[in-house]
């Protein structure tokens, strides 16, 4: 399938009279942006090594979600690099409907963020209803003993080791 897509993209570039500077192909899922070739594409884009990114379809470019994908497209635009989807003609930063498409994607991204937040809140409420207490477990220790050790001249690190606590926890207790 990948070879078929690459062939179609190469043929399209040929018909347009475009020079292919480089092909960026990752063989891992597009769910993450830390893909090696994806990062290389943005590095080259920041150096203006090409003028346009052509991808077979938006989901072949990124599958991170609308918000993240929109950020990637906006980043290309900020670098002065155009983008175009081979299979989705409306998705063309050089085309007539560029601003309309970006506005629609931005609206969808915003709605996706709202839904994610709503699902997170609903999940937390469900967990609380089942008796789950969120957050870190409380640290139980003798504050008086910590204060005594500090007055005796021990460092925060020494107190932490003595009491089996984190140094930052001791620091918070001493400053309180």
N, C-alpha and C. Protein backbone atom coordinates (compact mmCIF):
# COMPACT_ATOMS: atom_id res chain seq x y z
N UNK A 1 0.83 -1.19 0.00
CA UNK A 1 0.00 0.00 0.00
C UNK A 1 0.87 1.26 0.00
N UNK A 2 1.91 1.27 0.85
CA UNK A 2 2.78 2.44 0.92
C UNK A 2 3.43 2.73 -0.43
N UNK A 3 3.91 1.68 -1.09
CA UNK A 3 4.55 1.87 -2.39
C UNK A 3 3.57 2.43 -3.42
N UNK A 4 2.32 1.99 -3.35
CA UNK A 4 1.30 2.53 -4.27
C UNK A 4 1.09 4.02 -4.03
N UNK A 5 1.02 4.41 -2.76
CA UNK A 5 0.84 5.83 -2.43
C UNK A 5 2.03 6.65 -2.89
N UNK A 6 3.23 6.15 -2.64
CA UNK A 6 4.44 6.87 -3.05
C UNK A 6 4.48 7.02 -4.57
N UNK A 7 4.10 5.97 -5.29
CA UNK A 7 4.09 6.03 -6.75
C UNK A 7 3.11 7.09 -7.23
N UNK A 8 1.92 7.11 -6.62
CA UNK A 8 0.92 8.12 -7.00
C UNK A 8 1.44 9.53 -6.73
N UNK A 9 2.08 9.72 -5.61
CA UNK A 9 2.62 11.05 -5.27
C UNK A 9 3.73 11.44 -6.24
N UNK A 10 4.61 10.50 -6.57
CA UNK A 10 5.69 10.79 -7.52
C UNK A 10 5.13 11.15 -8.89
N UNK A 11 4.13 10.38 -9.35
CA UNK A 11 3.51 10.66 -10.65
C UNK A 11 2.85 12.04 -10.65
N UNK A 12 2.18 12.37 -9.55
CA UNK A 12 1.52 13.67 -9.44
C UNK A 12 2.55 14.80 -9.52
N UNK A 13 3.64 14.65 -8.79
CA UNK A 13 4.70 15.67 -8.82
C UNK A 13 5.26 15.81 -10.23
N UNK A 14 5.43 14.69 -10.90
CA UNK A 14 5.91 14.70 -12.29
C UNK A 14 4.97 15.51 -13.19
N UNK A 15 3.68 15.22 -13.07
CA UNK A 15 2.68 15.93 -13.90
C UNK A 15 2.65 17.43 -13.60
N UNK A 16 2.93 17.79 -12.34
CA UNK A 16 2.93 19.20 -11.95
C UNK A 16 4.23 19.90 -12.34
N UNK A 17 5.23 19.11 -12.68
CA UNK A 17 6.55 19.67 -12.99
C UNK A 17 7.34 20.04 -11.74
N UNK A 18 7.00 19.40 -10.63
CA UNK A 18 7.66 19.68 -9.36
C UNK A 18 8.88 18.77 -9.19
N UNK A 19 9.90 19.30 -8.56
CA UNK A 19 11.09 18.52 -8.22
C UNK A 19 10.91 17.96 -6.81
N UNK A 20 11.06 16.67 -6.67
CA UNK A 20 10.98 16.04 -5.35
C UNK A 20 12.35 16.19 -4.70
N UNK A 21 12.41 16.95 -3.62
CA UNK A 21 13.67 17.18 -2.93
C UNK A 21 14.02 15.96 -2.08
N UNK A 22 13.02 15.46 -1.35
CA UNK A 22 13.24 14.29 -0.50
C UNK A 22 11.90 13.70 -0.13
N UNK A 23 11.88 12.41 0.10
CA UNK A 23 10.69 11.73 0.59
C UNK A 23 10.91 11.39 2.06
N UNK A 24 9.95 11.75 2.89
CA UNK A 24 10.01 11.47 4.32
C UNK A 24 9.00 10.36 4.60
N UNK A 25 9.48 9.19 4.92
CA UNK A 25 8.61 8.04 5.13
C UNK A 25 8.93 7.40 6.47
N UNK A 26 7.94 7.39 7.36
CA UNK A 26 8.08 6.68 8.63
C UNK A 26 7.33 5.36 8.52
N UNK A 27 7.87 4.33 9.11
CA UNK A 27 7.22 3.02 9.08
C UNK A 27 6.58 2.70 10.42
N UNK A 28 6.35 3.74 11.22
CA UNK A 28 5.67 3.58 12.51
C UNK A 28 4.36 4.34 12.45
N UNK A 29 3.55 4.18 13.47
CA UNK A 29 2.24 4.83 13.52
C UNK A 29 2.38 6.35 13.54
N UNK A 30 1.45 7.02 12.89
CA UNK A 30 1.41 8.47 12.88
C UNK A 30 0.75 9.05 14.11
N UNK A 31 0.57 8.25 15.15
CA UNK A 31 -0.08 8.73 16.36
C UNK A 31 0.83 9.62 17.20
N UNK A 32 2.13 9.59 16.89
CA UNK A 32 3.08 10.38 17.68
C UNK A 32 3.93 11.24 16.76
N UNK A 33 4.31 12.40 17.25
CA UNK A 33 5.11 13.31 16.41
C UNK A 33 6.61 13.12 16.60
N UNK A 34 7.01 12.21 17.47
CA UNK A 34 8.45 12.02 17.67
C UNK A 34 9.04 11.01 16.68
N UNK A 35 8.31 10.77 15.60
CA UNK A 35 8.81 9.88 14.55
C UNK A 35 10.04 10.52 13.89
N UNK A 36 11.02 9.70 13.59
CA UNK A 36 12.31 10.19 13.08
C UNK A 36 12.17 11.00 11.79
N UNK A 37 11.49 10.45 10.80
CA UNK A 37 11.36 11.15 9.52
C UNK A 37 10.46 12.38 9.64
N UNK A 38 9.45 12.30 10.48
CA UNK A 38 8.54 13.43 10.70
C UNK A 38 9.34 14.60 11.27
N UNK A 39 10.21 14.31 12.24
CA UNK A 39 11.05 15.35 12.82
C UNK A 39 12.05 15.88 11.80
N UNK A 40 12.59 15.00 10.96
CA UNK A 40 13.52 15.42 9.91
C UNK A 40 12.82 16.36 8.93
N UNK A 41 11.56 16.07 8.62
CA UNK A 41 10.78 16.93 7.73
C UNK A 41 10.69 18.34 8.29
N UNK A 42 10.39 18.46 9.58
CA UNK A 42 10.27 19.78 10.19
C UNK A 42 11.61 20.49 10.31
N UNK A 43 12.67 19.72 10.52
CA UNK A 43 14.00 20.33 10.53
C UNK A 43 14.32 20.93 9.18
N UNK A 44 14.07 20.18 8.11
CA UNK A 44 14.32 20.68 6.75
C UNK A 44 13.39 21.84 6.42
N UNK A 45 12.16 21.77 6.90
CA UNK A 45 11.21 22.87 6.65
C UNK A 45 11.70 24.15 7.31
N UNK A 46 12.24 24.04 8.51
CA UNK A 46 12.72 25.24 9.21
C UNK A 46 13.90 25.87 8.49
N UNK A 47 14.62 25.05 7.72
CA UNK A 47 15.77 25.56 6.94
C UNK A 47 15.36 25.92 5.51
N UNK A 48 14.06 25.81 5.23
CA UNK A 48 13.49 26.13 3.91
C UNK A 48 14.17 25.33 2.78
N UNK A 49 14.36 24.03 3.01
CA UNK A 49 14.99 23.17 2.02
C UNK A 49 14.02 22.77 0.91
N UNK A 50 12.74 23.08 1.09
CA UNK A 50 11.72 22.80 0.08
C UNK A 50 10.61 23.83 0.24
N UNK A 51 9.68 23.84 -0.70
CA UNK A 51 8.60 24.84 -0.69
C UNK A 51 7.25 24.27 -0.30
N UNK A 52 7.08 22.95 -0.47
CA UNK A 52 5.76 22.35 -0.29
C UNK A 52 5.91 20.93 0.25
N UNK A 53 5.00 20.56 1.16
CA UNK A 53 4.91 19.18 1.63
C UNK A 53 3.66 18.60 0.99
N UNK A 54 3.83 17.52 0.25
CA UNK A 54 2.71 16.82 -0.36
C UNK A 54 2.55 15.49 0.38
N UNK A 55 1.36 15.26 0.92
CA UNK A 55 1.09 13.99 1.59
C UNK A 55 -0.10 13.33 0.93
N UNK A 56 -0.15 12.01 1.01
CA UNK A 56 -1.20 11.26 0.33
C UNK A 56 -2.57 11.62 0.88
N UNK A 57 -2.69 11.66 2.22
CA UNK A 57 -3.91 12.10 2.90
C UNK A 57 -3.50 12.62 4.27
N UNK A 58 -4.37 13.41 4.86
CA UNK A 58 -4.03 14.02 6.15
C UNK A 58 -3.71 12.98 7.21
N UNK A 59 -4.42 11.86 7.20
CA UNK A 59 -4.15 10.85 8.22
C UNK A 59 -2.85 10.09 7.96
N UNK A 60 -2.27 10.25 6.79
CA UNK A 60 -0.94 9.69 6.53
C UNK A 60 0.14 10.66 7.00
N UNK A 61 -0.23 11.92 7.14
CA UNK A 61 0.68 12.95 7.64
C UNK A 61 0.76 12.87 9.17
N UNK A 62 -0.40 12.82 9.82
CA UNK A 62 -0.46 12.75 11.28
C UNK A 62 -1.79 12.15 11.71
N UNK A 63 -1.72 11.33 12.75
CA UNK A 63 -2.93 10.75 13.35
C UNK A 63 -3.03 11.12 14.82
N UNK A 64 -2.44 12.24 15.16
CA UNK A 64 -2.40 12.64 16.58
C UNK A 64 -3.70 13.26 17.06
N UNK A 65 -4.57 13.59 16.17
CA UNK A 65 -5.78 14.30 16.53
C UNK A 65 -5.80 15.63 15.80
N UNK A 66 -6.96 16.21 15.72
CA UNK A 66 -7.14 17.42 14.92
C UNK A 66 -6.28 18.57 15.45
N UNK A 67 -6.29 18.77 16.76
CA UNK A 67 -5.57 19.90 17.34
C UNK A 67 -4.07 19.83 17.03
N UNK A 68 -3.47 18.68 17.29
CA UNK A 68 -2.04 18.53 17.06
C UNK A 68 -1.70 18.63 15.58
N UNK A 69 -2.53 18.01 14.75
CA UNK A 69 -2.30 18.06 13.30
C UNK A 69 -2.38 19.50 12.80
N UNK A 70 -3.35 20.23 13.30
CA UNK A 70 -3.48 21.64 12.92
C UNK A 70 -2.23 22.42 13.33
N UNK A 71 -1.70 22.12 14.50
CA UNK A 71 -0.47 22.79 14.94
C UNK A 71 0.69 22.48 14.00
N UNK A 72 0.78 21.24 13.52
CA UNK A 72 1.84 20.87 12.58
C UNK A 72 1.69 21.67 11.28
N UNK A 73 0.45 21.78 10.80
CA UNK A 73 0.23 22.52 9.55
C UNK A 73 0.54 24.00 9.74
N UNK A 74 0.17 24.54 10.89
CA UNK A 74 0.46 25.95 11.17
C UNK A 74 1.97 26.18 11.29
N UNK A 75 2.65 25.20 11.82
CA UNK A 75 4.12 25.29 11.94
C UNK A 75 4.76 25.35 10.55
N UNK A 76 4.28 24.50 9.64
CA UNK A 76 4.77 24.56 8.26
C UNK A 76 4.52 25.94 7.67
N UNK A 77 3.32 26.46 7.88
CA UNK A 77 2.97 27.78 7.36
C UNK A 77 3.90 28.85 7.93
N UNK A 78 4.20 28.74 9.22
CA UNK A 78 5.10 29.72 9.85
C UNK A 78 6.50 29.66 9.25
N UNK A 79 6.91 28.49 8.80
CA UNK A 79 8.21 28.35 8.14
C UNK A 79 8.18 28.82 6.69
N UNK A 80 6.97 29.16 6.20
CA UNK A 80 6.85 29.57 4.81
C UNK A 80 6.74 28.40 3.86
N UNK A 81 6.34 27.25 4.39
CA UNK A 81 6.21 26.02 3.60
C UNK A 81 4.73 25.74 3.37
N UNK A 82 4.39 25.47 2.11
CA UNK A 82 3.03 25.10 1.78
C UNK A 82 2.81 23.61 2.04
N UNK A 83 1.54 23.20 2.03
CA UNK A 83 1.22 21.79 2.17
C UNK A 83 0.01 21.48 1.31
N UNK A 84 -0.08 20.22 0.93
CA UNK A 84 -1.18 19.80 0.07
C UNK A 84 -1.44 18.32 0.26
N UNK A 85 -2.71 17.97 0.31
CA UNK A 85 -3.11 16.57 0.39
C UNK A 85 -3.45 16.09 -1.01
N UNK A 86 -2.90 14.95 -1.38
CA UNK A 86 -3.15 14.39 -2.70
C UNK A 86 -4.60 13.96 -2.86
N UNK A 87 -5.17 13.32 -1.84
CA UNK A 87 -6.52 12.76 -1.93
C UNK A 87 -7.61 13.71 -1.46
N UNK A 88 -7.24 14.78 -0.76
CA UNK A 88 -8.22 15.74 -0.23
C UNK A 88 -7.90 17.10 -0.84
N UNK A 89 -8.43 17.34 -2.05
CA UNK A 89 -8.07 18.55 -2.78
C UNK A 89 -8.35 19.85 -2.03
N UNK A 90 -9.33 19.83 -1.14
CA UNK A 90 -9.66 21.03 -0.37
C UNK A 90 -8.55 21.39 0.62
N UNK A 91 -7.70 20.41 0.96
CA UNK A 91 -6.65 20.64 1.95
C UNK A 91 -5.37 21.05 1.22
N UNK A 92 -5.31 22.33 0.90
CA UNK A 92 -4.22 22.88 0.08
C UNK A 92 -3.93 24.28 0.59
N UNK A 93 -2.77 24.48 1.20
CA UNK A 93 -2.45 25.79 1.77
C UNK A 93 -2.25 26.85 0.70
N UNK A 94 -2.13 26.43 -0.55
CA UNK A 94 -1.95 27.38 -1.63
C UNK A 94 -3.26 27.60 -2.39
N UNK A 95 -4.29 26.89 -1.99
CA UNK A 95 -5.55 26.91 -2.73
C UNK A 95 -6.48 28.03 -2.30
N UNK A 96 -7.57 28.10 -3.03
CA UNK A 96 -8.58 29.14 -2.86
C UNK A 96 -9.24 29.11 -1.49
N UNK A 97 -9.44 27.91 -0.93
CA UNK A 97 -10.17 27.77 0.32
C UNK A 97 -9.27 27.60 1.54
N UNK A 98 -8.02 27.98 1.42
CA UNK A 98 -7.04 27.80 2.50
C UNK A 98 -7.56 28.28 3.85
N UNK A 99 -8.00 29.53 3.93
CA UNK A 99 -8.44 30.10 5.20
C UNK A 99 -9.68 29.40 5.74
N UNK A 100 -10.59 29.02 4.86
CA UNK A 100 -11.81 28.34 5.29
C UNK A 100 -11.47 26.97 5.88
N UNK A 101 -10.58 26.24 5.23
CA UNK A 101 -10.20 24.91 5.72
C UNK A 101 -9.52 25.03 7.07
N UNK A 102 -8.60 25.97 7.22
CA UNK A 102 -7.90 26.15 8.50
C UNK A 102 -8.91 26.53 9.59
N UNK A 103 -9.86 27.38 9.28
CA UNK A 103 -10.88 27.77 10.27
C UNK A 103 -11.70 26.56 10.71
N UNK A 104 -12.09 25.74 9.74
CA UNK A 104 -12.87 24.55 10.07
C UNK A 104 -12.05 23.60 10.93
N UNK A 105 -10.80 23.35 10.54
CA UNK A 105 -9.93 22.46 11.32
C UNK A 105 -9.73 23.01 12.73
N UNK A 106 -9.55 24.32 12.85
CA UNK A 106 -9.35 24.94 14.17
C UNK A 106 -10.60 24.75 15.04
N UNK A 107 -11.77 24.90 14.45
CA UNK A 107 -13.02 24.71 15.19
C UNK A 107 -13.16 23.26 15.65
N UNK A 108 -12.85 22.33 14.76
CA UNK A 108 -12.91 20.91 15.11
C UNK A 108 -11.91 20.60 16.22
N UNK A 109 -10.71 21.18 16.12
CA UNK A 109 -9.69 20.96 17.15
C UNK A 109 -10.16 21.46 18.51
N UNK A 110 -10.79 22.62 18.51
CA UNK A 110 -11.29 23.19 19.76
C UNK A 110 -12.35 22.27 20.37
N UNK A 111 -13.24 21.77 19.54
CA UNK A 111 -14.28 20.86 20.02
C UNK A 111 -13.69 19.56 20.54
N UNK A 112 -12.65 19.09 19.88
CA UNK A 112 -11.97 17.87 20.33
C UNK A 112 -11.38 18.07 21.71
N UNK A 113 -10.77 19.22 21.96
CA UNK A 113 -10.20 19.53 23.27
C UNK A 113 -11.29 19.60 24.33
N UNK A 114 -12.44 20.20 24.00
CA UNK A 114 -13.55 20.30 24.95
C UNK A 114 -14.06 18.91 25.30
N UNK A 115 -14.24 18.06 24.28
CA UNK A 115 -14.72 16.69 24.52
C UNK A 115 -13.73 15.91 25.37
N UNK A 116 -12.44 16.07 25.11
CA UNK A 116 -11.42 15.38 25.90
C UNK A 116 -11.50 15.79 27.36
N UNK A 117 -11.65 17.09 27.58
CA UNK A 117 -11.77 17.60 28.95
C UNK A 117 -13.02 17.04 29.62
N UNK A 118 -14.13 17.02 28.89
CA UNK A 118 -15.37 16.50 29.45
C UNK A 118 -15.24 15.02 29.81
N UNK A 119 -14.59 14.25 28.96
CA UNK A 119 -14.39 12.81 29.23
C UNK A 119 -13.50 12.61 30.45
N UNK A 120 -12.48 13.45 30.58
CA UNK A 120 -11.57 13.35 31.73
C UNK A 120 -12.33 13.64 33.02
N UNK A 121 -13.11 14.69 33.03
CA UNK A 121 -13.90 15.06 34.22
C UNK A 121 -14.90 13.96 34.55
N UNK A 122 -15.56 13.41 33.53
CA UNK A 122 -16.52 12.33 33.77
C UNK A 122 -15.83 11.11 34.35
N UNK A 123 -14.65 10.79 33.87
CA UNK A 123 -13.89 9.66 34.38
C UNK A 123 -13.49 9.85 35.83
N UNK A 124 -13.06 11.06 36.17
CA UNK A 124 -12.69 11.36 37.56
C UNK A 124 -13.91 11.27 38.49
N UNK A 125 -15.05 11.78 38.02
CA UNK A 125 -16.27 11.71 38.83
C UNK A 125 -16.70 10.26 39.05
N UNK A 126 -16.60 9.44 38.00
CA UNK A 126 -16.96 8.02 38.11
C UNK A 126 -16.04 7.33 39.12
N UNK A 127 -14.75 7.63 39.06
CA UNK A 127 -13.79 7.02 39.99
C UNK A 127 -14.08 7.44 41.43
N UNK A 128 -14.40 8.73 41.62
CA UNK A 128 -14.74 9.21 42.97
C UNK A 128 -16.00 8.53 43.49
N UNK A 129 -16.99 8.34 42.61
CA UNK A 129 -18.24 7.69 43.01
C UNK A 129 -17.99 6.26 43.45
N UNK A 130 -16.95 5.63 42.91
CA UNK A 130 -16.59 4.26 43.29
C UNK A 130 -15.67 4.24 44.50
N UNK A 131 -15.38 5.43 45.07
CA UNK A 131 -14.58 5.49 46.28
C UNK A 131 -13.10 5.71 46.07
N UNK A 132 -12.69 5.86 44.82
CA UNK A 132 -11.26 6.07 44.56
C UNK A 132 -10.88 7.49 44.93
N UNK A 133 -9.78 7.62 45.64
CA UNK A 133 -9.26 8.93 45.99
C UNK A 133 -8.06 9.20 45.09
N UNK A 134 -8.11 10.27 44.35
CA UNK A 134 -7.03 10.59 43.42
C UNK A 134 -5.87 11.29 44.10
N UNK A 135 -4.84 11.49 43.34
CA UNK A 135 -3.67 12.21 43.84
C UNK A 135 -2.69 11.28 44.54
N UNK A 136 -1.63 11.88 45.00
CA UNK A 136 -0.61 11.10 45.71
C UNK A 136 -1.08 10.77 47.11
N UNK A 137 -0.61 9.65 47.65
CA UNK A 137 -0.99 9.33 49.03
C UNK A 137 -0.34 10.35 49.98
N UNK A 138 -1.00 10.66 51.07
CA UNK A 138 -0.44 11.64 52.00
C UNK A 138 0.84 11.10 52.66
N UNK A 139 1.77 12.01 52.92
CA UNK A 139 3.01 11.64 53.61
C UNK A 139 2.74 11.76 55.11
N UNK A 140 2.99 10.67 55.80
CA UNK A 140 2.76 10.67 57.25
C UNK A 140 4.13 10.63 57.93
N UNK A 141 4.38 11.68 58.71
CA UNK A 141 5.65 11.72 59.43
C UNK A 141 5.51 12.64 60.65
N UNK A 142 6.50 12.59 61.47
CA UNK A 142 6.52 13.36 62.71
C UNK A 142 7.17 14.72 62.45
N UNK A 143 6.33 15.74 62.30
CA UNK A 143 6.83 17.09 62.00
C UNK A 143 7.70 17.64 63.15
N UNK A 144 7.34 17.27 64.35
CA UNK A 144 8.11 17.71 65.51
C UNK A 144 9.53 17.16 65.43
N UNK A 145 9.65 15.90 65.04
CA UNK A 145 10.97 15.26 64.93
C UNK A 145 11.79 15.93 63.83
N UNK A 146 11.14 16.26 62.72
CA UNK A 146 11.83 16.95 61.62
C UNK A 146 12.36 18.29 62.11
N UNK A 147 11.54 19.02 62.85
CA UNK A 147 11.95 20.33 63.36
C UNK A 147 13.11 20.18 64.35
N UNK A 148 13.06 19.17 65.20
CA UNK A 148 14.15 18.92 66.16
C UNK A 148 15.47 18.64 65.45
N UNK A 149 15.40 17.77 64.43
CA UNK A 149 16.60 17.41 63.67
C UNK A 149 17.19 18.64 62.97
N UNK A 150 16.31 19.50 62.48
CA UNK A 150 16.78 20.70 61.78
C UNK A 150 17.46 21.64 62.78
N UNK A 151 16.86 21.80 63.96
CA UNK A 151 17.44 22.67 64.99
C UNK A 151 18.78 22.14 65.47
N UNK A 152 18.94 20.83 65.40
CA UNK A 152 20.21 20.25 65.86
C UNK A 152 21.33 20.44 64.84
N UNK A 153 20.97 21.03 63.68
CA UNK A 153 22.00 21.35 62.69
C UNK A 153 22.08 20.39 61.51
N UNK A 154 21.19 19.42 61.46
CA UNK A 154 21.22 18.47 60.32
C UNK A 154 20.75 19.17 59.04
N UNK A 155 21.35 18.75 57.93
CA UNK A 155 20.94 19.31 56.62
C UNK A 155 19.62 18.67 56.20
N UNK A 156 19.00 19.27 55.19
CA UNK A 156 17.74 18.72 54.69
C UNK A 156 17.95 17.30 54.16
N UNK A 157 19.05 17.07 53.47
CA UNK A 157 19.35 15.75 52.95
C UNK A 157 19.54 14.71 54.04
N UNK A 158 20.22 15.13 55.12
CA UNK A 158 20.45 14.21 56.24
C UNK A 158 19.13 13.86 56.93
N UNK A 159 18.29 14.89 57.09
CA UNK A 159 16.98 14.65 57.72
C UNK A 159 16.14 13.72 56.85
N UNK A 160 16.17 13.97 55.54
CA UNK A 160 15.40 13.14 54.61
C UNK A 160 15.84 11.68 54.70
N UNK A 161 17.15 11.45 54.75
CA UNK A 161 17.68 10.09 54.84
C UNK A 161 17.28 9.45 56.18
N UNK A 162 17.40 10.21 57.23
CA UNK A 162 17.07 9.72 58.58
C UNK A 162 15.60 9.33 58.69
N UNK A 163 14.72 10.15 58.11
CA UNK A 163 13.27 9.96 58.26
C UNK A 163 12.66 9.13 57.13
N UNK A 164 13.43 8.86 56.08
CA UNK A 164 12.88 8.11 54.94
C UNK A 164 11.93 8.94 54.11
N UNK A 165 12.25 10.22 53.99
CA UNK A 165 11.40 11.14 53.23
C UNK A 165 12.17 11.71 52.05
N UNK A 166 11.46 12.34 51.15
CA UNK A 166 12.11 13.05 50.06
C UNK A 166 12.63 14.37 50.59
N UNK A 167 13.74 14.82 50.04
CA UNK A 167 14.35 16.07 50.48
C UNK A 167 13.38 17.25 50.30
N UNK A 168 12.61 17.23 49.20
CA UNK A 168 11.65 18.33 48.96
C UNK A 168 10.54 18.33 50.00
N UNK A 169 10.15 17.14 50.47
CA UNK A 169 9.12 17.06 51.52
C UNK A 169 9.66 17.67 52.81
N UNK A 170 10.91 17.37 53.14
CA UNK A 170 11.53 17.93 54.34
C UNK A 170 11.62 19.45 54.20
N UNK A 171 12.02 19.91 53.04
CA UNK A 171 12.14 21.36 52.81
C UNK A 171 10.80 22.06 52.99
N UNK A 172 9.71 21.44 52.50
CA UNK A 172 8.39 22.02 52.66
C UNK A 172 8.00 22.07 54.14
N UNK A 173 8.32 21.02 54.89
CA UNK A 173 7.97 20.98 56.31
C UNK A 173 8.74 22.02 57.11
N UNK A 174 10.01 22.19 56.78
CA UNK A 174 10.84 23.13 57.50
C UNK A 174 10.41 24.57 57.21
N UNK A 175 9.99 24.83 55.97
CA UNK A 175 9.62 26.21 55.61
C UNK A 175 8.20 26.56 56.05
N UNK A 176 7.40 25.56 56.40
CA UNK A 176 5.99 25.82 56.77
C UNK A 176 5.86 26.37 58.17
